[in-house]
Amino acid sequence: MFDGVAARYDLTNTVLSFGQDRSWRRATRAALGLLPGERVLDVGAGTGVSTQELARSGAYVVGADLSQGMLHAGKRVRPEVPLLAGDALRLPFADASFDAVTISFALRNVNDTDAALRELARVTRPGGRLVVCEFSSPVQPAFRTVYLSYLMRSLPAVARTVSSNPDAYVYLAESIRAWPDQAALAARIGAAGWDRVAWRNLTGGVVALHRAVRG
């Protein structure tokens, strides 16, 4: 499915988010508190647009994604960004390889969320940081109603005008609606071996940044 949306993935995301995707990437970089020279893993990196943003910190950032189509699309437009094929459930790295790990808008697409969180912990050094940037549950009831209506009705329609595979966005809308809210995801992160779990809402809770530290 992601191979099928790769060609216009970045453009589609910007249109569907009304340009908010850029600010969400900047917020993710800030939440990680990266230092020059640190080793960072960006899982579910897709075309590498998030990896490129993280590298602005001066850290060494490598992106990993399961979709070969996304990786090929990214390498065409960002040849300087290190991107490699990797399964979030079986990352091709040794234990404690990274100072920080992050996953943006991809955790909900992994077959086993809890196993992926444990795998992220495995490749992170003790004291290293995690940031999960993911769609979440708007906190204001009226806004939540409008948002869900947009997801299930308007988003697929808009995707038909810009995406290379608009049917995929029906699945994406459904996956967002079914995803755990902020507190539920925080509990799962803690159960996977992460400490000091906290979250911050972006855009009224449309997106949440969950932060944690490797114990």
N, C-alpha and C. Protein backbone atom coordinates (compact mmCIF):
# COMPACT_ATOMS: atom_id res chain seq x y z
N MET A 1 0.82 -1.20 0.00
CA MET A 1 0.00 0.00 0.00
C MET A 1 0.86 1.26 0.00
N PHE A 2 1.91 1.27 0.84
CA PHE A 2 2.74 2.46 0.90
C PHE A 2 3.60 2.62 -0.34
N ASP A 3 3.97 1.51 -0.99
CA ASP A 3 4.63 1.62 -2.28
C ASP A 3 3.74 2.40 -3.26
N GLY A 4 2.43 2.16 -3.17
CA GLY A 4 1.50 2.77 -4.10
C GLY A 4 1.27 4.25 -3.89
N VAL A 5 1.55 4.76 -2.70
CA VAL A 5 1.34 6.19 -2.44
C VAL A 5 2.65 6.97 -2.42
N ALA A 6 3.77 6.29 -2.65
CA ALA A 6 5.08 6.91 -2.47
C ALA A 6 5.32 8.10 -3.38
N ALA A 7 4.86 8.02 -4.63
CA ALA A 7 5.21 9.04 -5.62
C ALA A 7 4.80 10.44 -5.19
N ARG A 8 3.65 10.57 -4.54
CA ARG A 8 3.16 11.90 -4.16
C ARG A 8 2.86 11.97 -2.67
N TYR A 9 3.54 11.13 -1.90
CA TYR A 9 3.24 11.00 -0.48
C TYR A 9 3.46 12.32 0.28
N ASP A 10 4.60 12.95 0.08
CA ASP A 10 4.90 14.17 0.83
C ASP A 10 3.91 15.28 0.49
N LEU A 11 3.60 15.45 -0.79
CA LEU A 11 2.65 16.48 -1.21
C LEU A 11 1.27 16.19 -0.62
N THR A 12 0.84 14.94 -0.68
CA THR A 12 -0.48 14.59 -0.17
C THR A 12 -0.60 14.88 1.32
N ASN A 13 0.44 14.55 2.08
CA ASN A 13 0.41 14.81 3.52
C ASN A 13 0.32 16.29 3.82
N THR A 14 1.03 17.10 3.07
CA THR A 14 0.99 18.55 3.29
C THR A 14 -0.39 19.10 2.99
N VAL A 15 -1.00 18.64 1.91
CA VAL A 15 -2.34 19.11 1.55
C VAL A 15 -3.37 18.66 2.58
N LEU A 16 -3.34 17.39 2.97
CA LEU A 16 -4.34 16.85 3.89
C LEU A 16 -4.22 17.44 5.29
N SER A 17 -3.01 17.85 5.68
CA SER A 17 -2.81 18.42 7.01
C SER A 17 -2.87 19.94 7.00
N PHE A 18 -3.20 20.53 5.86
CA PHE A 18 -3.24 21.99 5.72
C PHE A 18 -1.88 22.61 6.09
N GLY A 19 -0.81 21.91 5.75
CA GLY A 19 0.53 22.41 5.99
C GLY A 19 1.05 22.21 7.40
N GLN A 20 0.26 21.60 8.27
CA GLN A 20 0.68 21.42 9.65
C GLN A 20 1.77 20.37 9.80
N ASP A 21 1.94 19.51 8.79
CA ASP A 21 2.95 18.45 8.90
C ASP A 21 4.35 19.02 9.12
N ARG A 22 4.63 20.19 8.57
CA ARG A 22 5.95 20.80 8.76
C ARG A 22 6.18 21.18 10.21
N SER A 23 5.18 21.78 10.83
CA SER A 23 5.33 22.18 12.24
C SER A 23 5.40 20.95 13.14
N TRP A 24 4.70 19.87 12.79
CA TRP A 24 4.77 18.64 13.59
C TRP A 24 6.17 18.04 13.54
N ARG A 25 6.81 18.10 12.37
CA ARG A 25 8.18 17.59 12.28
C ARG A 25 9.15 18.44 13.10
N ARG A 26 8.97 19.75 13.06
CA ARG A 26 9.84 20.62 13.86
C ARG A 26 9.64 20.36 15.35
N ALA A 27 8.40 20.13 15.76
CA ALA A 27 8.11 19.85 17.17
C ALA A 27 8.74 18.54 17.61
N THR A 28 8.74 17.55 16.73
CA THR A 28 9.36 16.27 17.04
C THR A 28 10.86 16.44 17.26
N ARG A 29 11.49 17.19 16.40
CA ARG A 29 12.93 17.45 16.55
C ARG A 29 13.21 18.15 17.87
N ALA A 30 12.41 19.15 18.21
CA ALA A 30 12.62 19.88 19.47
C ALA A 30 12.41 18.96 20.67
N ALA A 31 11.40 18.09 20.61
CA ALA A 31 11.09 17.21 21.74
C ALA A 31 12.22 16.22 22.00
N LEU A 32 12.95 15.82 20.97
CA LEU A 32 14.04 14.88 21.15
C LEU A 32 15.26 15.53 21.81
N GLY A 33 15.37 16.85 21.71
CA GLY A 33 16.50 17.54 22.33
C GLY A 33 17.84 17.05 21.82
N LEU A 34 17.98 16.92 20.52
CA LEU A 34 19.17 16.31 19.93
C LEU A 34 20.38 17.23 20.04
N LEU A 35 21.55 16.57 20.19
CA LEU A 35 22.81 17.28 20.26
C LEU A 35 23.68 16.88 19.07
N PRO A 36 24.52 17.79 18.60
CA PRO A 36 25.41 17.44 17.49
C PRO A 36 26.24 16.20 17.81
N GLY A 37 26.30 15.30 16.83
CA GLY A 37 27.08 14.08 17.00
C GLY A 37 26.33 12.91 17.58
N GLU A 38 25.13 13.13 18.13
CA GLU A 38 24.36 12.00 18.65
C GLU A 38 23.88 11.12 17.50
N ARG A 39 23.67 9.85 17.82
CA ARG A 39 23.20 8.87 16.84
C ARG A 39 21.70 8.69 17.03
N VAL A 40 20.95 8.88 15.95
CA VAL A 40 19.49 8.90 16.03
C VAL A 40 18.91 7.98 14.96
N LEU A 41 17.88 7.23 15.33
CA LEU A 41 17.18 6.35 14.39
C LEU A 41 15.76 6.87 14.19
N ASP A 42 15.40 7.06 12.92
CA ASP A 42 14.06 7.51 12.54
C ASP A 42 13.36 6.33 11.88
N VAL A 43 12.47 5.67 12.62
CA VAL A 43 11.79 4.47 12.12
C VAL A 43 10.50 4.86 11.40
N GLY A 44 10.18 4.14 10.35
CA GLY A 44 9.02 4.51 9.54
C GLY A 44 9.27 5.82 8.82
N ALA A 45 10.51 6.01 8.37
CA ALA A 45 10.93 7.30 7.83
C ALA A 45 10.34 7.61 6.46
N GLY A 46 9.83 6.61 5.78
CA GLY A 46 9.22 6.86 4.48
C GLY A 46 10.20 7.42 3.48
N THR A 47 9.90 8.61 2.97
CA THR A 47 10.76 9.26 1.97
C THR A 47 11.90 10.04 2.60
N GLY A 48 12.00 10.03 3.92
CA GLY A 48 13.10 10.69 4.59
C GLY A 48 12.88 12.15 4.91
N VAL A 49 11.66 12.65 4.72
CA VAL A 49 11.43 14.06 5.03
C VAL A 49 11.58 14.33 6.52
N SER A 50 11.16 13.38 7.36
CA SER A 50 11.35 13.54 8.81
C SER A 50 12.81 13.38 9.19
N THR A 51 13.52 12.46 8.54
CA THR A 51 14.94 12.25 8.80
C THR A 51 15.73 13.51 8.49
N GLN A 52 15.40 14.13 7.38
CA GLN A 52 16.07 15.37 6.98
C GLN A 52 15.86 16.47 8.01
N GLU A 53 14.65 16.59 8.52
CA GLU A 53 14.35 17.60 9.54
C GLU A 53 15.15 17.34 10.82
N LEU A 54 15.22 16.09 11.25
CA LEU A 54 15.97 15.75 12.47
C LEU A 54 17.44 16.07 12.32
N ALA A 55 17.99 15.89 11.13
CA ALA A 55 19.41 16.12 10.90
C ALA A 55 19.79 17.59 11.00
N ARG A 56 18.81 18.48 10.97
CA ARG A 56 19.10 19.91 11.14
C ARG A 56 19.71 20.20 12.51
N SER A 57 19.55 19.28 13.44
CA SER A 57 20.09 19.44 14.79
C SER A 57 21.61 19.26 14.84
N GLY A 58 22.18 18.67 13.80
CA GLY A 58 23.60 18.34 13.81
C GLY A 58 23.86 16.91 14.23
N ALA A 59 22.81 16.19 14.65
CA ALA A 59 22.96 14.77 14.99
C ALA A 59 23.11 13.96 13.71
N TYR A 60 23.66 12.74 13.86
CA TYR A 60 23.70 11.81 12.74
C TYR A 60 22.42 10.99 12.77
N VAL A 61 21.60 11.11 11.76
CA VAL A 61 20.27 10.49 11.73
C VAL A 61 20.18 9.53 10.56
N VAL A 62 19.74 8.32 10.83
CA VAL A 62 19.49 7.34 9.78
C VAL A 62 18.01 6.99 9.79
N GLY A 63 17.41 6.91 8.60
CA GLY A 63 16.01 6.55 8.48
C GLY A 63 15.84 5.12 8.05
N ALA A 64 14.82 4.45 8.58
CA ALA A 64 14.53 3.07 8.21
C ALA A 64 13.05 2.93 7.89
N ASP A 65 12.74 2.17 6.87
CA ASP A 65 11.35 1.96 6.49
C ASP A 65 11.20 0.61 5.81
N LEU A 66 10.02 0.02 5.94
CA LEU A 66 9.75 -1.29 5.35
C LEU A 66 9.43 -1.19 3.86
N SER A 67 8.93 -0.03 3.42
CA SER A 67 8.47 0.14 2.05
C SER A 67 9.62 0.52 1.11
N GLN A 68 9.94 -0.37 0.19
CA GLN A 68 10.97 -0.06 -0.79
C GLN A 68 10.55 1.09 -1.70
N GLY A 69 9.27 1.17 -2.00
CA GLY A 69 8.79 2.27 -2.84
C GLY A 69 9.01 3.62 -2.20
N MET A 70 8.75 3.72 -0.90
CA MET A 70 8.97 4.97 -0.19
C MET A 70 10.45 5.32 -0.16
N LEU A 71 11.29 4.32 0.08
CA LEU A 71 12.74 4.56 0.14
C LEU A 71 13.27 5.03 -1.20
N HIS A 72 12.82 4.41 -2.28
CA HIS A 72 13.28 4.81 -3.61
C HIS A 72 12.84 6.24 -3.93
N ALA A 73 11.59 6.56 -3.56
CA ALA A 73 11.11 7.92 -3.80
C ALA A 73 11.92 8.93 -3.01
N GLY A 74 12.26 8.58 -1.76
CA GLY A 74 13.05 9.48 -0.95
C GLY A 74 14.46 9.67 -1.47
N LYS A 75 15.08 8.59 -1.93
CA LYS A 75 16.45 8.70 -2.43
C LYS A 75 16.55 9.52 -3.70
N ARG A 76 15.45 9.59 -4.46
CA ARG A 76 15.46 10.42 -5.68
C ARG A 76 15.52 11.90 -5.32
N VAL A 77 14.82 12.30 -4.27
CA VAL A 77 14.74 13.73 -3.94
C VAL A 77 15.65 14.13 -2.79
N ARG A 78 16.11 13.16 -1.99
CA ARG A 78 17.00 13.45 -0.85
C ARG A 78 18.17 12.47 -0.85
N PRO A 79 19.01 12.52 -1.87
CA PRO A 79 20.09 11.53 -1.97
C PRO A 79 21.09 11.62 -0.83
N GLU A 80 21.13 12.74 -0.13
CA GLU A 80 22.09 12.91 0.96
C GLU A 80 21.61 12.31 2.27
N VAL A 81 20.34 11.90 2.35
CA VAL A 81 19.76 11.39 3.60
C VAL A 81 19.99 9.87 3.68
N PRO A 82 20.60 9.37 4.76
CA PRO A 82 20.80 7.93 4.91
C PRO A 82 19.47 7.21 5.14
N LEU A 83 19.07 6.38 4.19
CA LEU A 83 17.81 5.63 4.28
C LEU A 83 18.09 4.17 3.98
N LEU A 84 17.52 3.30 4.80
CA LEU A 84 17.70 1.87 4.55
C LEU A 84 16.43 1.11 4.85
N ALA A 85 16.33 -0.09 4.28
CA ALA A 85 15.17 -0.95 4.50
C ALA A 85 15.28 -1.59 5.89
N GLY A 86 14.19 -1.54 6.62
CA GLY A 86 14.19 -2.12 7.96
C GLY A 86 12.78 -2.30 8.48
N ASP A 87 12.56 -3.42 9.13
CA ASP A 87 11.28 -3.76 9.73
C ASP A 87 11.28 -3.29 11.18
N ALA A 88 10.28 -2.53 11.58
CA ALA A 88 10.20 -2.00 12.95
C ALA A 88 10.16 -3.11 14.00
N LEU A 89 9.79 -4.33 13.59
CA LEU A 89 9.74 -5.45 14.52
C LEU A 89 11.05 -6.24 14.58
N ARG A 90 11.94 -5.97 13.63
CA ARG A 90 13.25 -6.65 13.60
C ARG A 90 14.28 -5.68 13.04
N LEU A 91 14.61 -4.67 13.80
CA LEU A 91 15.51 -3.63 13.31
C LEU A 91 16.93 -4.19 13.13
N PRO A 92 17.59 -3.81 12.05
CA PRO A 92 18.91 -4.37 11.73
C PRO A 92 20.05 -3.65 12.45
N PHE A 93 19.92 -3.50 13.77
CA PHE A 93 20.92 -2.80 14.56
C PHE A 93 21.17 -3.56 15.86
N ALA A 94 22.38 -3.39 16.38
CA ALA A 94 22.74 -4.03 17.65
C ALA A 94 22.04 -3.35 18.81
N ASP A 95 22.02 -4.02 19.94
CA ASP A 95 21.46 -3.43 21.16
C ASP A 95 22.17 -2.12 21.50
N ALA A 96 21.40 -1.17 22.01
CA ALA A 96 21.94 0.10 22.53
C ALA A 96 22.76 0.86 21.49
N SER A 97 22.32 0.85 20.23
CA SER A 97 23.08 1.50 19.16
C SER A 97 22.85 3.01 19.07
N PHE A 98 21.72 3.50 19.62
CA PHE A 98 21.34 4.88 19.36
C PHE A 98 21.12 5.66 20.66
N ASP A 99 21.41 6.97 20.56
CA ASP A 99 21.14 7.89 21.67
C ASP A 99 19.67 8.27 21.73
N ALA A 100 18.99 8.21 20.60
CA ALA A 100 17.57 8.57 20.55
C ALA A 100 16.92 7.84 19.38
N VAL A 101 15.65 7.53 19.53
CA VAL A 101 14.86 6.92 18.46
C VAL A 101 13.53 7.65 18.36
N THR A 102 12.97 7.64 17.17
CA THR A 102 11.69 8.29 16.97
C THR A 102 10.93 7.57 15.86
N ILE A 103 9.62 7.68 15.92
CA ILE A 103 8.76 7.13 14.88
C ILE A 103 7.58 8.09 14.71
N SER A 104 7.36 8.54 13.48
CA SER A 104 6.34 9.55 13.21
C SER A 104 5.29 9.01 12.25
N PHE A 105 4.05 8.97 12.70
CA PHE A 105 2.91 8.58 11.87
C PHE A 105 3.09 7.20 11.24
N ALA A 106 3.75 6.31 11.97
CA ALA A 106 3.99 4.96 11.44
C ALA A 106 3.72 3.88 12.47
N LEU A 107 3.72 4.22 13.76
CA LEU A 107 3.55 3.20 14.77
C LEU A 107 2.21 2.49 14.63
N ARG A 108 1.17 3.21 14.25
CA ARG A 108 -0.15 2.60 14.14
C ARG A 108 -0.24 1.65 12.94
N ASN A 109 0.75 1.70 12.04
CA ASN A 109 0.74 0.82 10.87
C ASN A 109 1.57 -0.44 11.07
N VAL A 110 2.22 -0.57 12.22
CA VAL A 110 3.01 -1.77 12.51
C VAL A 110 2.06 -2.87 13.01
N ASN A 111 2.33 -4.09 12.63
CA ASN A 111 1.43 -5.20 12.98
C ASN A 111 1.30 -5.40 14.48
N ASP A 112 2.37 -5.17 15.23
CA ASP A 112 2.38 -5.39 16.67
C ASP A 112 2.98 -4.16 17.36
N THR A 113 2.12 -3.26 17.81
CA THR A 113 2.56 -2.00 18.41
C THR A 113 3.49 -2.23 19.60
N ASP A 114 3.10 -3.13 20.49
CA ASP A 114 3.87 -3.35 21.71
C ASP A 114 5.25 -3.94 21.40
N ALA A 115 5.31 -4.86 20.45
CA ALA A 115 6.59 -5.44 20.06
C ALA A 115 7.49 -4.38 19.43
N ALA A 116 6.91 -3.48 18.66
CA ALA A 116 7.69 -2.40 18.05
C ALA A 116 8.26 -1.47 19.11
N LEU A 117 7.48 -1.16 20.13
CA LEU A 117 7.98 -0.31 21.21
C LEU A 117 9.12 -0.99 21.97
N ARG A 118 9.02 -2.29 22.14
CA ARG A 118 10.11 -3.03 22.79
C ARG A 118 11.36 -3.07 21.91
N GLU A 119 11.16 -3.20 20.61
CA GLU A 119 12.29 -3.22 19.69
C GLU A 119 12.98 -1.85 19.65
N LEU A 120 12.21 -0.78 19.71
CA LEU A 120 12.80 0.56 19.79
C LEU A 120 13.64 0.70 21.06
N ALA A 121 13.14 0.14 22.16
CA ALA A 121 13.89 0.18 23.41
C ALA A 121 15.18 -0.63 23.30
N ARG A 122 15.13 -1.75 22.61
CA ARG A 122 16.31 -2.61 22.49
C ARG A 122 17.47 -1.87 21.84
N VAL A 123 17.20 -1.09 20.79
CA VAL A 123 18.29 -0.45 20.04
C VAL A 123 18.69 0.90 20.64
N THR A 124 18.06 1.29 21.76
CA THR A 124 18.36 2.57 22.40
C THR A 124 19.22 2.33 23.64
N ARG A 125 20.23 3.13 23.83
CA ARG A 125 21.11 2.99 25.00
C ARG A 125 20.33 3.36 26.27
N PRO A 126 20.72 2.83 27.42
CA PRO A 126 20.11 3.27 28.68
C PRO A 126 20.24 4.79 28.85
N GLY A 127 19.14 5.42 29.19
CA GLY A 127 19.11 6.87 29.29
C GLY A 127 18.79 7.57 27.99
N GLY A 128 18.71 6.81 26.89
CA GLY A 128 18.36 7.40 25.60
C GLY A 128 16.89 7.77 25.54
N ARG A 129 16.54 8.53 24.53
CA ARG A 129 15.19 9.11 24.44
C ARG A 129 14.37 8.52 23.29
N LEU A 130 13.09 8.53 23.52
CA LEU A 130 12.10 8.15 22.50
C LEU A 130 11.10 9.28 22.33
N VAL A 131 10.74 9.57 21.07
CA VAL A 131 9.59 10.43 20.79
C VAL A 131 8.73 9.74 19.74
N VAL A 132 7.48 9.56 20.07
CA VAL A 132 6.49 9.04 19.13
C VAL A 132 5.60 10.20 18.71
N CYS A 133 5.60 10.51 17.44
CA CYS A 133 4.70 11.53 16.89
C CYS A 133 3.61 10.79 16.12
N GLU A 134 2.37 10.90 16.60
CA GLU A 134 1.30 10.10 16.00
C GLU A 134 -0.03 10.82 16.11
N PHE A 135 -0.92 10.53 15.19
CA PHE A 135 -2.28 11.06 15.29
C PHE A 135 -2.90 10.58 16.59
N SER A 136 -3.78 11.41 17.16
CA SER A 136 -4.34 11.08 18.46
C SER A 136 -5.79 11.54 18.53
N SER A 137 -6.25 11.87 19.72
CA SER A 137 -7.66 12.18 19.93
C SER A 137 -7.81 13.65 20.34
N PRO A 138 -8.45 14.48 19.50
CA PRO A 138 -8.67 15.87 19.88
C PRO A 138 -9.37 15.98 21.23
N VAL A 139 -8.93 16.91 22.05
CA VAL A 139 -9.40 16.97 23.43
C VAL A 139 -10.73 17.72 23.58
N GLN A 140 -11.06 18.58 22.63
CA GLN A 140 -12.30 19.35 22.72
C GLN A 140 -13.41 18.60 21.97
N PRO A 141 -14.52 18.27 22.64
CA PRO A 141 -15.53 17.40 22.02
C PRO A 141 -16.07 17.89 20.68
N ALA A 142 -16.38 19.18 20.57
CA ALA A 142 -16.94 19.68 19.32
C ALA A 142 -15.91 19.57 18.19
N PHE A 143 -14.67 19.92 18.50
CA PHE A 143 -13.61 19.82 17.50
C PHE A 143 -13.39 18.36 17.12
N ARG A 144 -13.47 17.44 18.11
CA ARG A 144 -13.29 16.02 17.81
C ARG A 144 -14.34 15.55 16.81
N THR A 145 -15.59 15.99 16.97
CA THR A 145 -16.65 15.59 16.06
C THR A 145 -16.37 16.07 14.64
N VAL A 146 -15.95 17.32 14.51
CA VAL A 146 -15.63 17.87 13.19
C VAL A 146 -14.45 17.14 12.57
N TYR A 147 -13.46 16.87 13.40
CA TYR A 147 -12.24 16.19 12.92
C TYR A 147 -12.56 14.79 12.41
N LEU A 148 -13.35 14.02 13.16
CA LEU A 148 -13.69 12.67 12.73
C LEU A 148 -14.50 12.69 11.44
N SER A 149 -15.35 13.70 11.29
CA SER A 149 -16.11 13.82 10.06
C SER A 149 -15.17 14.10 8.88
N TYR A 150 -14.18 14.94 9.11
CA TYR A 150 -13.19 15.21 8.05
C TYR A 150 -12.43 13.95 7.68
N LEU A 151 -12.02 13.19 8.72
CA LEU A 151 -11.26 11.97 8.46
C LEU A 151 -12.02 11.00 7.57
N MET A 152 -13.27 10.75 7.92
CA MET A 152 -14.01 9.68 7.28
C MET A 152 -14.70 10.11 5.98
N ARG A 153 -14.92 11.41 5.80
CA ARG A 153 -15.63 11.86 4.60
C ARG A 153 -14.75 12.69 3.68
N SER A 154 -14.17 13.74 4.23
CA SER A 154 -13.44 14.69 3.38
C SER A 154 -12.05 14.20 3.01
N LEU A 155 -11.35 13.54 3.95
CA LEU A 155 -9.96 13.15 3.67
C LEU A 155 -9.86 12.25 2.44
N PRO A 156 -10.65 11.19 2.31
CA PRO A 156 -10.55 10.37 1.10
C PRO A 156 -10.87 11.15 -0.17
N ALA A 157 -11.82 12.10 -0.07
CA ALA A 157 -12.18 12.89 -1.25
C ALA A 157 -11.04 13.80 -1.67
N VAL A 158 -10.41 14.45 -0.70
CA VAL A 158 -9.27 15.31 -1.01
C VAL A 158 -8.13 14.48 -1.56
N ALA A 159 -7.90 13.30 -0.98
CA ALA A 159 -6.81 12.43 -1.44
C ALA A 159 -6.96 12.05 -2.91
N ARG A 160 -8.21 11.93 -3.37
CA ARG A 160 -8.43 11.56 -4.77
C ARG A 160 -7.88 12.61 -5.73
N THR A 161 -7.74 13.86 -5.27
CA THR A 161 -7.25 14.92 -6.16
C THR A 161 -5.74 15.04 -6.17
N VAL A 162 -5.06 14.48 -5.18
CA VAL A 162 -3.60 14.69 -5.10
C VAL A 162 -2.80 13.41 -4.95
N SER A 163 -3.38 12.33 -4.45
CA SER A 163 -2.61 11.12 -4.16
C SER A 163 -2.49 10.22 -5.38
N SER A 164 -1.36 9.48 -5.43
CA SER A 164 -1.17 8.49 -6.49
C SER A 164 -1.94 7.20 -6.22
N ASN A 165 -2.48 7.04 -5.01
CA ASN A 165 -3.28 5.86 -4.67
C ASN A 165 -4.31 6.27 -3.62
N PRO A 166 -5.38 6.97 -4.04
CA PRO A 166 -6.31 7.54 -3.07
C PRO A 166 -7.04 6.52 -2.21
N ASP A 167 -7.23 5.29 -2.71
CA ASP A 167 -7.93 4.29 -1.91
C ASP A 167 -7.18 3.98 -0.61
N ALA A 168 -5.86 4.14 -0.63
CA ALA A 168 -5.07 3.88 0.58
C ALA A 168 -5.47 4.80 1.72
N TYR A 169 -5.96 5.98 1.39
CA TYR A 169 -6.28 6.95 2.43
C TYR A 169 -7.59 6.62 3.15
N VAL A 170 -8.39 5.73 2.59
CA VAL A 170 -9.54 5.21 3.33
C VAL A 170 -9.03 4.40 4.51
N TYR A 171 -8.05 3.52 4.24
CA TYR A 171 -7.43 2.75 5.33
C TYR A 171 -6.78 3.67 6.35
N LEU A 172 -6.04 4.66 5.88
CA LEU A 172 -5.33 5.56 6.80
C LEU A 172 -6.31 6.29 7.71
N ALA A 173 -7.44 6.74 7.17
CA ALA A 173 -8.44 7.41 7.99
C ALA A 173 -9.00 6.46 9.05
N GLU A 174 -9.27 5.22 8.66
CA GLU A 174 -9.80 4.25 9.61
C GLU A 174 -8.78 3.91 10.69
N SER A 175 -7.51 3.84 10.31
CA SER A 175 -6.48 3.51 11.29
C SER A 175 -6.31 4.63 12.32
N ILE A 176 -6.49 5.87 11.89
CA ILE A 176 -6.40 7.00 12.82
C ILE A 176 -7.57 6.96 13.81
N ARG A 177 -8.76 6.68 13.30
CA ARG A 177 -9.95 6.65 14.17
C ARG A 177 -9.85 5.54 15.21
N ALA A 178 -9.21 4.42 14.85
CA ALA A 178 -9.13 3.28 15.75
C ALA A 178 -7.94 3.34 16.71
N TRP A 179 -7.08 4.33 16.57
CA TRP A 179 -5.84 4.37 17.34
C TRP A 179 -6.11 4.76 18.80
N PRO A 180 -5.34 4.25 19.77
CA PRO A 180 -5.56 4.60 21.18
C PRO A 180 -5.39 6.10 21.44
N ASP A 181 -6.07 6.60 22.45
CA ASP A 181 -5.90 8.01 22.81
C ASP A 181 -4.58 8.21 23.55
N GLN A 182 -4.35 9.43 23.99
CA GLN A 182 -3.06 9.80 24.56
C GLN A 182 -2.69 8.95 25.79
N ALA A 183 -3.61 8.82 26.72
CA ALA A 183 -3.32 8.09 27.95
C ALA A 183 -3.10 6.60 27.67
N ALA A 184 -3.89 6.03 26.78
CA ALA A 184 -3.76 4.61 26.48
C ALA A 184 -2.42 4.30 25.81
N LEU A 185 -1.98 5.17 24.90
CA LEU A 185 -0.69 4.95 24.26
C LEU A 185 0.44 5.13 25.27
N ALA A 186 0.32 6.11 26.15
CA ALA A 186 1.35 6.31 27.18
C ALA A 186 1.51 5.05 28.04
N ALA A 187 0.41 4.42 28.39
CA ALA A 187 0.47 3.20 29.19
C ALA A 187 1.19 2.08 28.44
N ARG A 188 0.97 1.98 27.15
CA ARG A 188 1.62 0.93 26.37
C ARG A 188 3.12 1.20 26.22
N ILE A 189 3.49 2.46 26.09
CA ILE A 189 4.91 2.80 26.02
C ILE A 189 5.60 2.43 27.32
N GLY A 190 4.98 2.75 28.45
CA GLY A 190 5.56 2.39 29.74
C GLY A 190 5.68 0.90 29.93
N ALA A 191 4.71 0.15 29.47
CA ALA A 191 4.73 -1.31 29.61
C ALA A 191 5.81 -1.96 28.74
N ALA A 192 6.30 -1.22 27.73
CA ALA A 192 7.29 -1.76 26.81
C ALA A 192 8.73 -1.51 27.26
N GLY A 193 8.89 -0.97 28.47
CA GLY A 193 10.24 -0.80 29.01
C GLY A 193 10.76 0.63 29.01
N TRP A 194 9.88 1.59 28.78
CA TRP A 194 10.27 3.00 28.77
C TRP A 194 9.84 3.67 30.08
N ASP A 195 10.66 4.60 30.55
CA ASP A 195 10.37 5.33 31.78
C ASP A 195 10.03 6.79 31.47
N ARG A 196 9.50 7.46 32.50
CA ARG A 196 9.21 8.90 32.44
C ARG A 196 8.40 9.27 31.20
N VAL A 197 7.33 8.53 30.98
CA VAL A 197 6.49 8.74 29.80
C VAL A 197 5.62 9.98 30.00
N ALA A 198 5.60 10.83 29.02
CA ALA A 198 4.76 12.03 29.06
C ALA A 198 4.32 12.34 27.64
N TRP A 199 3.31 13.18 27.51
CA TRP A 199 2.89 13.56 26.16
C TRP A 199 2.49 15.03 26.13
N ARG A 200 2.51 15.57 24.92
CA ARG A 200 2.08 16.94 24.65
C ARG A 200 1.23 16.93 23.40
N ASN A 201 0.09 17.60 23.47
CA ASN A 201 -0.81 17.67 22.32
C ASN A 201 -0.37 18.76 21.36
N LEU A 202 -0.52 18.47 20.08
CA LEU A 202 -0.31 19.44 19.02
C LEU A 202 -1.62 19.59 18.25
N THR A 203 -1.91 20.80 17.81
CA THR A 203 -3.11 21.07 17.02
C THR A 203 -4.35 20.53 17.72
N GLY A 204 -4.45 20.84 19.01
CA GLY A 204 -5.64 20.47 19.77
C GLY A 204 -5.80 18.99 20.04
N GLY A 205 -4.73 18.22 19.87
CA GLY A 205 -4.81 16.78 20.08
C GLY A 205 -4.98 15.98 18.80
N VAL A 206 -5.02 16.65 17.65
CA VAL A 206 -5.01 15.92 16.38
C VAL A 206 -3.77 15.04 16.32
N VAL A 207 -2.68 15.57 16.84
CA VAL A 207 -1.41 14.85 16.94
C VAL A 207 -0.93 14.97 18.38
N ALA A 208 -0.26 13.93 18.87
CA ALA A 208 0.37 13.97 20.20
C ALA A 208 1.81 13.52 20.08
N LEU A 209 2.67 14.21 20.83
CA LEU A 209 4.07 13.80 20.96
C LEU A 209 4.20 13.07 22.30
N HIS A 210 4.54 11.80 22.24
CA HIS A 210 4.82 11.02 23.45
C HIS A 210 6.33 10.92 23.61
N ARG A 211 6.81 11.29 24.79
CA ARG A 211 8.25 11.24 25.09
C ARG A 211 8.50 10.25 26.19
N ALA A 212 9.66 9.61 26.17
CA ALA A 212 10.04 8.65 27.19
C ALA A 212 11.55 8.47 27.21
N VAL A 213 12.05 7.85 28.27
CA VAL A 213 13.47 7.61 28.44
C VAL A 213 13.69 6.12 28.66
N ARG A 214 14.75 5.61 28.06
CA ARG A 214 15.08 4.19 28.19
C ARG A 214 15.62 3.91 29.59
N GLY A 215 15.01 2.97 30.29
CA GLY A 215 15.43 2.65 31.63
C GLY A 215 16.70 1.81 31.69
